[in-house]
Structures are given as C-alpha cells and as structure tokens.
C-alpha atoms as a PDB file:
ATOM      1  CA  MET A   1     106.038  87.112  85.881  1.00  0.00           C
ATOM      2  CA  GLU A   2     102.461  88.329  86.077  1.00  0.00           C
ATOM      3  CA  LEU A   3     101.416  89.780  89.402  1.00  0.00           C
ATOM      4  CA  PRO A   4      98.103  88.512  90.860  1.00  0.00           C
ATOM      5  CA  PHE A   5      96.495  91.951  91.235  1.00  0.00           C
ATOM      6  CA  ASN A   6      97.136  92.994  87.813  1.00  0.00           C
ATOM      7  CA  ASP A   7      94.067  93.299  85.580  1.00  0.00           C
ATOM      8  CA  LYS A   8      93.306  94.356  81.851  1.00  0.00           C
ATOM      9  CA  LEU A   9      90.928  96.985  82.892  1.00  0.00           C
ATOM     10  CA  PHE A  10      93.739  99.375  84.270  1.00  0.00           C
ATOM     11  CA  SER A  11      97.296  99.881  84.178  1.00  0.00           C
ATOM     12  CA  SER A  12     100.042  99.418  86.853  1.00  0.00           C
ATOM     13  CA  GLY A  13     103.573 100.506  86.649  1.00  0.00           C
ATOM     14  CA  HIS A  14     106.972 101.985  88.245  1.00  0.00           C
ATOM     15  CA  PRO A  15     107.199  99.191  91.000  1.00  0.00           C
ATOM     16  CA  ALA A  16     109.417  99.828  94.008  1.00  0.00           C
ATOM     17  CA  LEU A  17     110.345  97.551  97.019  1.00  0.00           C
ATOM     18  CA  SER A  18     110.663  98.576 100.624  1.00  0.00           C
ATOM     19  CA  PRO A  19     114.116  98.092 101.959  1.00  0.00           C
ATOM     20  CA  ASP A  20     112.872  94.964 103.669  1.00  0.00           C
ATOM     21  CA  ASP A  21     111.536  93.486 100.555  1.00  0.00           C
ATOM     22  CA  LYS A  22     108.152  92.902 102.415  1.00  0.00           C
ATOM     23  CA  THR A  23     106.250  95.698 100.566  1.00  0.00           C
ATOM     24  CA  LEU A  24     105.774  96.552  96.874  1.00  0.00           C
ATOM     25  CA  TYR A  25     104.924 100.284  96.077  1.00  0.00           C
ATOM     26  CA  PHE A  26     103.370 100.883  92.578  1.00  0.00           C
ATOM     27  CA  VAL A  27     101.361 103.366  90.615  1.00  0.00           C
ATOM     28  CA  SER A  28      97.849 102.510  89.074  1.00  0.00           C
ATOM     29  CA  ASP A  29      94.947 104.093  87.504  1.00  0.00           C
ATOM     30  CA  ARG A  30      92.655 101.393  88.960  1.00  0.00           C
ATOM     31  CA  GLU A  31      89.150 102.175  89.787  1.00  0.00           C
ATOM     32  CA  GLY A  32      88.698 103.599  93.296  1.00  0.00           C
ATOM     33  CA  GLY A  33      91.455 106.042  93.168  1.00  0.00           C
ATOM     34  CA  PHE A  34      91.841 109.646  94.119  1.00  0.00           C
ATOM     35  CA  GLY A  35      93.228 110.954  90.729  1.00  0.00           C
ATOM     36  CA  GLN A  36      94.651 110.137  87.356  1.00  0.00           C
ATOM     37  CA  THR A  37      97.085 107.761  88.719  1.00  0.00           C
ATOM     38  CA  ASP A  38      97.568 107.032  92.667  1.00  0.00           C
ATOM     39  CA  ILE A  39     100.443 105.342  94.527  1.00  0.00           C
ATOM     40  CA  TYR A  40      99.316 101.843  96.064  1.00  0.00           C
ATOM     41  CA  LYS A  41     101.223  99.342  98.343  1.00  0.00           C
ATOM     42  CA  VAL A  42     100.852  95.659  98.514  1.00  0.00           C
ATOM     43  CA  SER A  43     102.321  93.372 101.163  1.00  0.00           C
ATOM     44  CA  ILE A  44     104.717  90.374  99.901  1.00  0.00           C
ATOM     45  CA  ASP A  45     104.995  87.129 101.872  1.00  0.00           C
ATOM     46  CA  GLY A  46     107.229  84.844  99.904  1.00  0.00           C
ATOM     47  CA  ASP A  47     105.231  84.123  96.745  1.00  0.00           C
ATOM     48  CA  THR A  48     101.879  85.531  98.153  1.00  0.00           C
ATOM     49  CA  TYR A  49     100.631  89.049  97.728  1.00  0.00           C
ATOM     50  CA  GLY A  50      98.259  91.009  99.841  1.00  0.00           C
ATOM     51  CA  GLU A  51      95.362  93.127  98.437  1.00  0.00           C
ATOM     52  CA  PRO A  52      96.702  96.585  96.861  1.00  0.00           C
ATOM     53  CA  GLU A  53      96.075  99.301  99.314  1.00  0.00           C
ATOM     54  CA  ASN A  54      95.925 103.038  98.011  1.00  0.00           C
ATOM     55  CA  LEU A  55      98.188 105.240 100.331  1.00  0.00           C
ATOM     56  CA  GLY A  56      95.245 107.723 100.581  1.00  0.00           C
ATOM     57  CA  PRO A  57      94.551 111.475 100.246  1.00  0.00           C
ATOM     58  CA  SER A  58      97.514 112.566 102.092  1.00  0.00           C
ATOM     59  CA  ILE A  59      99.870 111.339  99.071  1.00  0.00           C
ATOM     60  CA  ASN A  60      97.518 111.066  96.259  1.00  0.00           C
ATOM     61  CA  THR A  61      95.630 113.930  94.567  1.00  0.00           C
ATOM     62  CA  THR A  62      93.291 114.348  91.641  1.00  0.00           C
ATOM     63  CA  GLY A  63      96.312 114.432  89.317  1.00  0.00           C
ATOM     64  CA  LYS A  64      99.312 112.173  88.598  1.00  0.00           C
ATOM     65  CA  GLU A  65     101.485 110.498  91.232  1.00  0.00           C
ATOM     66  CA  MET A  66     104.293 108.715  89.703  1.00  0.00           C
ATOM     67  CA  PHE A  67     107.593 106.958  90.337  1.00  0.00           C
ATOM     68  CA  PRO A  68     107.548 105.949  94.068  1.00  0.00           C
ATOM     69  CA  PHE A  69     110.744 105.047  95.752  1.00  0.00           C
ATOM     70  CA  VAL A  70     111.399 104.158  99.436  1.00  0.00           C
ATOM     71  CA  ALA A  71     114.863 105.168 100.885  1.00  0.00           C
ATOM     72  CA  LYS A  72     116.489 102.942 103.404  1.00  0.00           C
ATOM     73  CA  ASP A  73     115.118 105.249 106.185  1.00  0.00           C
ATOM     74  CA  SER A  74     111.496 104.375 104.796  1.00  0.00           C
ATOM     75  CA  THR A  75     110.968 107.812 103.486  1.00  0.00           C
ATOM     76  CA  LEU A  76     108.680 107.666 100.467  1.00  0.00           C
ATOM     77  CA  TYR A  77     109.995 109.705  97.412  1.00  0.00           C
ATOM     78  CA  PHE A  78     107.515 110.247  94.433  1.00  0.00           C
ATOM     79  CA  SER A  79     106.652 112.880  91.672  1.00  0.00           C
ATOM     80  CA  SER A  80     103.391 114.666  91.318  1.00  0.00           C
ATOM     81  CA  ASP A  81     101.857 117.239  89.009  1.00  0.00           C
ATOM     82  CA  SER A  82      99.185 118.324  91.407  1.00  0.00           C
ATOM     83  CA  TYR A  83     100.789 119.778  94.450  1.00  0.00           C
ATOM     84  CA  ILE A  84     102.204 123.290  94.536  1.00  0.00           C
ATOM     85  CA  ASN A  85     105.286 122.711  92.217  1.00  0.00           C
ATOM     86  CA  LEU A  86     108.063 124.425  90.335  1.00  0.00           C
ATOM     87  CA  GLY A  87     107.399 122.600  87.183  1.00  0.00           C
ATOM     88  CA  PHE A  88     106.033 119.426  85.929  1.00  0.00           C
ATOM     89  CA  LEU A  89     106.064 116.325  88.222  1.00  0.00           C
ATOM     90  CA  ASP A  90     108.216 117.763  90.907  1.00  0.00           C
ATOM     91  CA  ILE A  91     109.909 115.497  93.348  1.00  0.00           C
ATOM     92  CA  TYR A  92     108.248 115.064  96.824  1.00  0.00           C
ATOM     93  CA  LYS A  93     108.982 113.212 100.087  1.00  0.00           C
ATOM     94  CA  SER A  94     106.848 111.969 102.988  1.00  0.00           C
ATOM     95  CA  ASN A  95     107.410 110.051 106.054  1.00  0.00           C
ATOM     96  CA  ILE A  96     103.952 108.425 105.680  1.00  0.00           C
ATOM     97  CA  ILE A  97     105.166 104.844 105.963  1.00  0.00           C
ATOM     98  CA  LYS A  98     106.296 105.724 109.551  1.00  0.00           C
ATOM     99  CA  ASP A  99     103.917 108.289 110.528  1.00  0.00           C
ATOM    100  CA  SER A 100     100.434 108.241 108.866  1.00  0.00           C
ATOM    101  CA  SER A 101      99.841 112.008 109.578  1.00  0.00           C
ATOM    102  CA  ALA A 102     103.081 112.914 107.824  1.00  0.00           C
ATOM    103  CA  LYS A 103     102.992 115.947 105.263  1.00  0.00           C
ATOM    104  CA  VAL A 104     104.245 115.807 101.710  1.00  0.00           C
ATOM    105  CA  GLU A 105     107.294 118.101 101.329  1.00  0.00           C
ATOM    106  CA  ASN A 106     108.556 119.345  98.031  1.00  0.00           C
ATOM    107  CA  LEU A 107     112.214 118.817  97.601  1.00  0.00           C
ATOM    108  CA  GLY A 108     112.619 122.234  95.882  1.00  0.00           C
ATOM    109  CA  ALA A 109     115.650 123.512  94.226  1.00  0.00           C
ATOM    110  CA  PRO A 110     118.033 122.248  92.860  1.00  0.00           C
ATOM    111  CA  TYR A 111     116.031 118.998  92.412  1.00  0.00           C
ATOM    112  CA  ASN A 112     112.912 120.490  90.926  1.00  0.00           C
END
C-alpha cells in the first residue's frame, strides 16, 4: 500500500511502528531535513495519516540517520554516521519520545 506522504521527489524507508501502533517512524531524504537522511514520525489514526514531522536537530545531523526502532519502553534506537562513533553507522539511543530534551547516547561496545 502506498502511503499518502510518499512522493517521487524523495525516498522514504526503514519504517518502524511505536509500541501502541499510533506512530510510524521512518527515514527520508525529503526537502527541509537537517542532513542526508533524517528520522521522521507521522501519526496514525486507523487508515488516516498525519503530516510527517522531522524529529529535529537533537536526533538528526548533517549526515545519515538510519534504521529507527522504538522499544516497548518508548526508547528510540537508530544508527548514525555523524555523531562521535566507533565505526560507520553506530547504534544510538534516545528518550526523545518521552523527554524532548533527552540526549543521544552511543551504545558503545560490544554493540558498536
């Protein structure tokens, strides 16, 4: 099924649902982002979708954010190539969903 916020002008991918199935998180290179690919969210109400919202500069960088996943406790996990990292596309976590001022944390070894 084609989602109503997709467009041929940009790519969207790596969808992940929130634990309550009311929010879809995804990655896109759509215009207006902070970097090469950013993480966005969109609300879901039955078959109706809201407008995509960029998660902002506390998550997104000038590089690539990829592979969002939301755990049962609403912790957002994702990969990025632009934070201080141990390698390419390290795994990070943030409590941004529950706390808009939450910081991003590298999971470190042995994950990265």
